[in-house]
Amino acid sequence: MEKGEGHGRSSVIGLLLAANGLVFLVQQLLPGPMLRYLALWPLGVAPETLPSGLPAGEFHLWQLLSYAFLHGSLFHLAINMFVLWMFGSPLERDWGSQRFARYYVLCVLGAGAAQLLVVSMSTGPFAPTVGASGGVYALLLAFGLRYPNQYILLLIPPIPMKAKYFVIVIGLVELWLGIAGTRQGVAHFAHLAGMLVGLALILSRHRRP
C-alpha cells in the first residue's frame, strides 16, 4: 500500500476540482470552441447529422482526456465534483497521489475509448461527449472494493446501503439503461467502461508478486 506516496504535495483531488471549475468557466465564455476542440467527438461525423445549435467538430486524440474536464451544465459539474471529492479523497489518502492520479487518468481514457467506439458504431444522431463521469464511476468501484462494508446513504431512495452492494446496483442500473437506451444523452457505456477499467487495474495490481 502506497499510503505515504505523494505526501506533502498538492492534492490531486484539489487540482481536479480546480481544473474542472476553471474549464467550466471558460466553457461558459467560449462554448463553441471548447466543444469543438475539447469534447469527445465520434469518428467521421458529418455536419448534417449533428443536432441543431452544435458546432461542427471532429475527433482528435487529446479529446480522450480533455472531454472529462467539460460538463453539460452546472448541475452536471456539481454532481461529478461532489462524488469525486467524497469518494476520491479517502482513496487518495490510502493510495497516495501518484497512484490515484494514474488510476483516474487511465479510467477516464478507457471510458472515453469505449464511448468513442459505441457512438462511432451507431447511426446517430451524434453529439460530443463531455463529463468526468467515467472516472467518477471508477472511483465508486474502487471505494466499494476498498471499503466494502462502509455504509452509503442514498438520496433516491434515502436508505443506507453498504458500499459493496451500492457498486453492484449502480453497475446493473447502468448496464440496463445502456442496453435499453431509456435515457438518451447519457453515456452509460462510458460509465461502465470506467468501472471495468478500474476493476482491471485493481486486479492486475493485486496479482503482482
Protein backbone atom coordinates (compact mmCIF):
# COMPACT_ATOMS: atom_id res chain seq x y z
CA MET A 1 0.00 0.00 0.00
CA GLU A 2 1.38 3.39 -1.01
CA LYS A 3 -0.19 5.34 1.78
CA GLY A 4 2.73 7.70 2.16
CA GLU A 5 3.34 8.26 -1.56
CA GLY A 6 2.99 11.87 -2.64
CA HIS A 7 2.92 13.13 0.98
CA GLY A 8 3.39 16.88 1.17
CA ARG A 9 2.39 17.54 -2.43
CA SER A 10 -0.74 19.21 -3.73
CA SER A 11 -3.83 17.06 -3.51
CA VAL A 12 -4.84 15.54 -6.85
CA ILE A 13 -8.46 15.91 -5.78
CA GLY A 14 -7.93 19.62 -5.19
CA LEU A 15 -6.23 20.07 -8.54
CA LEU A 16 -9.01 18.19 -10.34
CA LEU A 17 -11.71 20.26 -8.63
CA ALA A 18 -9.93 23.50 -9.54
CA ALA A 19 -9.25 22.40 -13.13
CA ASN A 20 -12.83 21.31 -13.73
CA GLY A 21 -14.20 24.52 -12.26
CA LEU A 22 -11.86 26.70 -14.32
CA VAL A 23 -12.60 24.83 -17.55
CA PHE A 24 -16.34 25.16 -16.90
CA LEU A 25 -15.97 28.94 -16.55
CA VAL A 26 -14.06 29.14 -19.82
CA GLN A 27 -16.68 26.91 -21.40
CA GLN A 28 -19.38 29.44 -20.49
CA LEU A 29 -17.39 32.20 -22.17
CA LEU A 30 -16.35 30.22 -25.26
CA PRO A 31 -18.85 27.37 -25.61
CA GLY A 32 -18.34 26.82 -29.34
CA PRO A 33 -14.54 26.49 -29.44
CA MET A 34 -14.45 24.48 -26.20
CA LEU A 35 -16.95 21.92 -27.52
CA ARG A 36 -15.41 21.86 -30.97
CA TYR A 37 -11.87 21.10 -29.85
CA LEU A 38 -12.07 19.56 -26.36
CA ALA A 39 -15.28 17.49 -26.28
CA LEU A 40 -15.06 13.85 -27.41
CA TRP A 41 -16.36 13.68 -30.99
CA PRO A 42 -17.30 10.43 -32.76
CA LEU A 43 -15.25 9.33 -35.72
CA GLY A 44 -16.34 10.55 -39.14
CA VAL A 45 -19.21 12.81 -38.11
CA ALA A 46 -20.99 14.62 -40.94
CA PRO A 47 -22.18 18.15 -40.01
CA GLU A 48 -25.74 17.44 -41.18
CA THR A 49 -26.09 14.65 -38.58
CA LEU A 50 -25.49 16.99 -35.65
CA PRO A 51 -28.34 18.36 -33.52
CA SER A 52 -29.23 21.97 -34.23
CA GLY A 53 -27.06 24.52 -32.44
CA LEU A 54 -23.98 22.34 -32.00
CA PRO A 55 -20.68 23.44 -33.55
CA ALA A 56 -19.26 21.04 -36.12
CA GLY A 57 -16.27 19.19 -34.68
CA GLU A 58 -14.07 16.22 -35.41
CA PHE A 59 -12.14 13.68 -33.37
CA HIS A 60 -8.66 14.49 -32.08
CA LEU A 61 -6.60 12.16 -29.91
CA TRP A 62 -6.36 14.57 -26.96
CA GLN A 63 -10.14 14.52 -26.64
CA LEU A 64 -9.90 11.10 -24.95
CA LEU A 65 -8.74 13.06 -21.88
CA SER A 66 -9.97 16.62 -22.38
CA TYR A 67 -13.66 15.61 -22.56
CA ALA A 68 -13.57 14.76 -18.85
CA PHE A 69 -12.98 18.41 -17.94
CA LEU A 70 -16.05 19.73 -19.78
CA HIS A 71 -19.61 19.48 -18.44
CA GLY A 72 -23.04 19.99 -19.87
CA SER A 73 -24.42 22.10 -17.02
CA LEU A 74 -23.63 23.44 -13.57
CA PHE A 75 -25.63 20.58 -12.03
CA HIS A 76 -23.64 18.04 -14.06
CA LEU A 77 -20.39 19.60 -12.83
CA ALA A 78 -21.57 19.83 -9.21
CA ILE A 79 -22.67 16.19 -9.01
CA ASN A 80 -19.46 14.86 -10.55
CA MET A 81 -17.22 17.04 -8.38
CA PHE A 82 -19.13 16.15 -5.21
CA VAL A 83 -18.74 12.42 -5.90
CA LEU A 84 -15.10 12.94 -6.89
CA TRP A 85 -14.40 14.69 -3.59
CA MET A 86 -16.45 12.36 -1.37
CA PHE A 87 -15.23 9.02 -2.71
CA GLY A 88 -11.88 10.05 -4.16
CA SER A 89 -10.47 11.74 -1.05
CA PRO A 90 -10.15 8.58 1.09
CA LEU A 91 -8.71 6.69 -1.88
CA GLU A 92 -6.04 9.33 -2.47
CA ARG A 93 -5.14 9.27 1.23
CA ASP A 94 -4.75 5.48 1.17
CA TRP A 95 -3.14 5.06 -2.24
CA GLY A 96 -1.06 8.19 -2.45
CA SER A 97 -1.38 10.95 -5.01
CA GLN A 98 0.63 9.30 -7.80
CA ARG A 99 -1.28 6.04 -7.81
CA PHE A 100 -4.59 7.86 -7.51
CA ALA A 101 -3.76 10.14 -10.45
CA ARG A 102 -2.70 7.18 -12.62
CA TYR A 103 -5.88 5.30 -11.78
CA TYR A 104 -8.16 8.25 -12.51
CA VAL A 105 -6.50 9.21 -15.80
CA LEU A 106 -6.42 5.63 -17.12
CA CYS A 107 -10.08 5.13 -16.25
CA VAL A 108 -11.03 8.39 -17.98
CA LEU A 109 -9.09 7.28 -21.07
CA GLY A 110 -10.71 3.84 -21.04
CA ALA A 111 -14.19 5.29 -20.63
CA GLY A 112 -13.55 7.72 -23.46
CA ALA A 113 -12.29 4.98 -25.76
CA ALA A 114 -15.36 2.84 -25.06
CA GLN A 115 -17.71 5.76 -25.67
CA LEU A 116 -15.89 6.59 -28.89
CA LEU A 117 -16.35 3.03 -30.10
CA VAL A 118 -20.02 2.79 -29.15
CA VAL A 119 -21.03 6.16 -30.60
CA SER A 120 -18.97 5.77 -33.77
CA MET A 121 -20.75 2.48 -34.49
CA SER A 122 -24.21 3.97 -34.03
CA THR A 123 -26.33 5.61 -36.71
CA GLY A 124 -26.88 8.90 -34.88
CA PRO A 125 -27.96 11.50 -34.08
CA PHE A 126 -24.44 12.40 -32.99
CA ALA A 127 -23.33 14.67 -30.18
CA PRO A 128 -20.00 15.18 -28.43
CA THR A 129 -19.38 13.52 -25.07
CA VAL A 130 -18.44 15.62 -22.04
CA GLY A 131 -18.09 14.99 -18.32
CA ALA A 132 -15.93 13.26 -15.72
CA SER A 133 -18.47 10.52 -15.05
CA GLY A 134 -16.30 7.70 -16.45
CA GLY A 135 -13.56 8.49 -13.95
CA VAL A 136 -16.07 9.14 -11.17
CA TYR A 137 -17.76 5.75 -11.63
CA ALA A 138 -14.31 4.14 -11.49
CA LEU A 139 -13.77 5.84 -8.13
CA LEU A 140 -17.11 4.49 -6.89
CA LEU A 141 -15.99 0.99 -7.84
CA ALA A 142 -12.62 1.42 -6.12
CA PHE A 143 -14.32 2.77 -3.00
CA GLY A 144 -16.67 -0.20 -2.90
CA LEU A 145 -13.74 -2.62 -3.14
CA ARG A 146 -11.57 -0.74 -0.66
CA TYR A 147 -14.29 -0.08 1.93
CA PRO A 148 -16.92 -2.76 1.15
CA ASN A 149 -18.78 -2.57 4.47
CA GLN A 150 -18.92 1.19 4.82
CA TYR A 151 -22.46 2.49 4.59
CA ILE A 152 -23.51 4.99 1.93
CA LEU A 153 -26.73 6.97 2.31
CA LEU A 154 -28.59 7.04 -0.97
CA LEU A 155 -30.59 10.11 -1.94
CA ILE A 156 -33.22 8.33 -4.03
CA PRO A 157 -34.45 6.34 -2.18
CA PRO A 158 -32.99 7.73 1.09
CA ILE A 159 -31.78 4.44 2.53
CA PRO A 160 -28.33 3.35 3.79
CA MET A 161 -26.52 0.69 1.78
CA LYS A 162 -23.13 -0.97 2.12
CA ALA A 163 -20.63 0.24 -0.46
CA LYS A 164 -20.15 -3.22 -1.99
CA TYR A 165 -23.87 -3.55 -2.72
CA PHE A 166 -24.08 0.04 -3.94
CA VAL A 167 -21.42 -0.62 -6.57
CA ILE A 168 -23.26 -3.72 -7.79
CA VAL A 169 -26.56 -1.85 -8.00
CA ILE A 170 -25.23 1.13 -9.95
CA GLY A 171 -23.34 -1.20 -12.29
CA LEU A 172 -26.50 -3.16 -13.08
CA VAL A 173 -28.53 0.02 -13.47
CA GLU A 174 -26.03 1.48 -15.93
CA LEU A 175 -25.97 -1.76 -17.89
CA TRP A 176 -29.75 -1.84 -18.13
CA LEU A 177 -30.03 1.83 -19.09
CA GLY A 178 -27.29 1.45 -21.68
CA ILE A 179 -28.96 -1.54 -23.32
CA ALA A 180 -32.49 -0.16 -23.08
CA GLY A 181 -31.47 3.34 -24.17
CA THR A 182 -34.11 4.88 -21.92
CA ARG A 183 -32.01 7.93 -21.00
CA GLN A 184 -30.81 9.50 -24.22
CA GLY A 185 -27.80 11.78 -23.99
CA VAL A 186 -26.21 9.88 -21.08
CA ALA A 187 -23.01 7.92 -21.75
CA HIS A 188 -23.95 4.75 -19.86
CA PHE A 189 -21.36 2.59 -21.60
CA ALA A 190 -18.65 5.12 -20.73
CA HIS A 191 -19.67 4.79 -17.08
CA LEU A 192 -19.49 1.01 -17.30
CA ALA A 193 -16.16 1.14 -19.14
CA GLY A 194 -14.71 3.37 -16.43
CA MET A 195 -15.74 0.81 -13.81
CA LEU A 196 -14.35 -2.11 -15.83
CA VAL A 197 -11.01 -0.38 -16.45
CA GLY A 198 -10.81 0.43 -12.75
CA LEU A 199 -11.54 -3.18 -11.84
CA ALA A 200 -8.86 -4.41 -14.25
CA LEU A 201 -6.28 -2.00 -12.79
CA ILE A 202 -7.05 -3.04 -9.23
CA LEU A 203 -7.00 -6.78 -10.02
CA SER A 204 -3.76 -6.50 -12.01
CA ARG A 205 -2.09 -4.73 -9.12
CA HIS A 206 -3.20 -7.38 -6.63
CA ARG A 207 -1.81 -10.14 -8.86
CA ARG A 208 1.69 -8.69 -8.98
CA PRO A 209 4.27 -10.60 -6.92
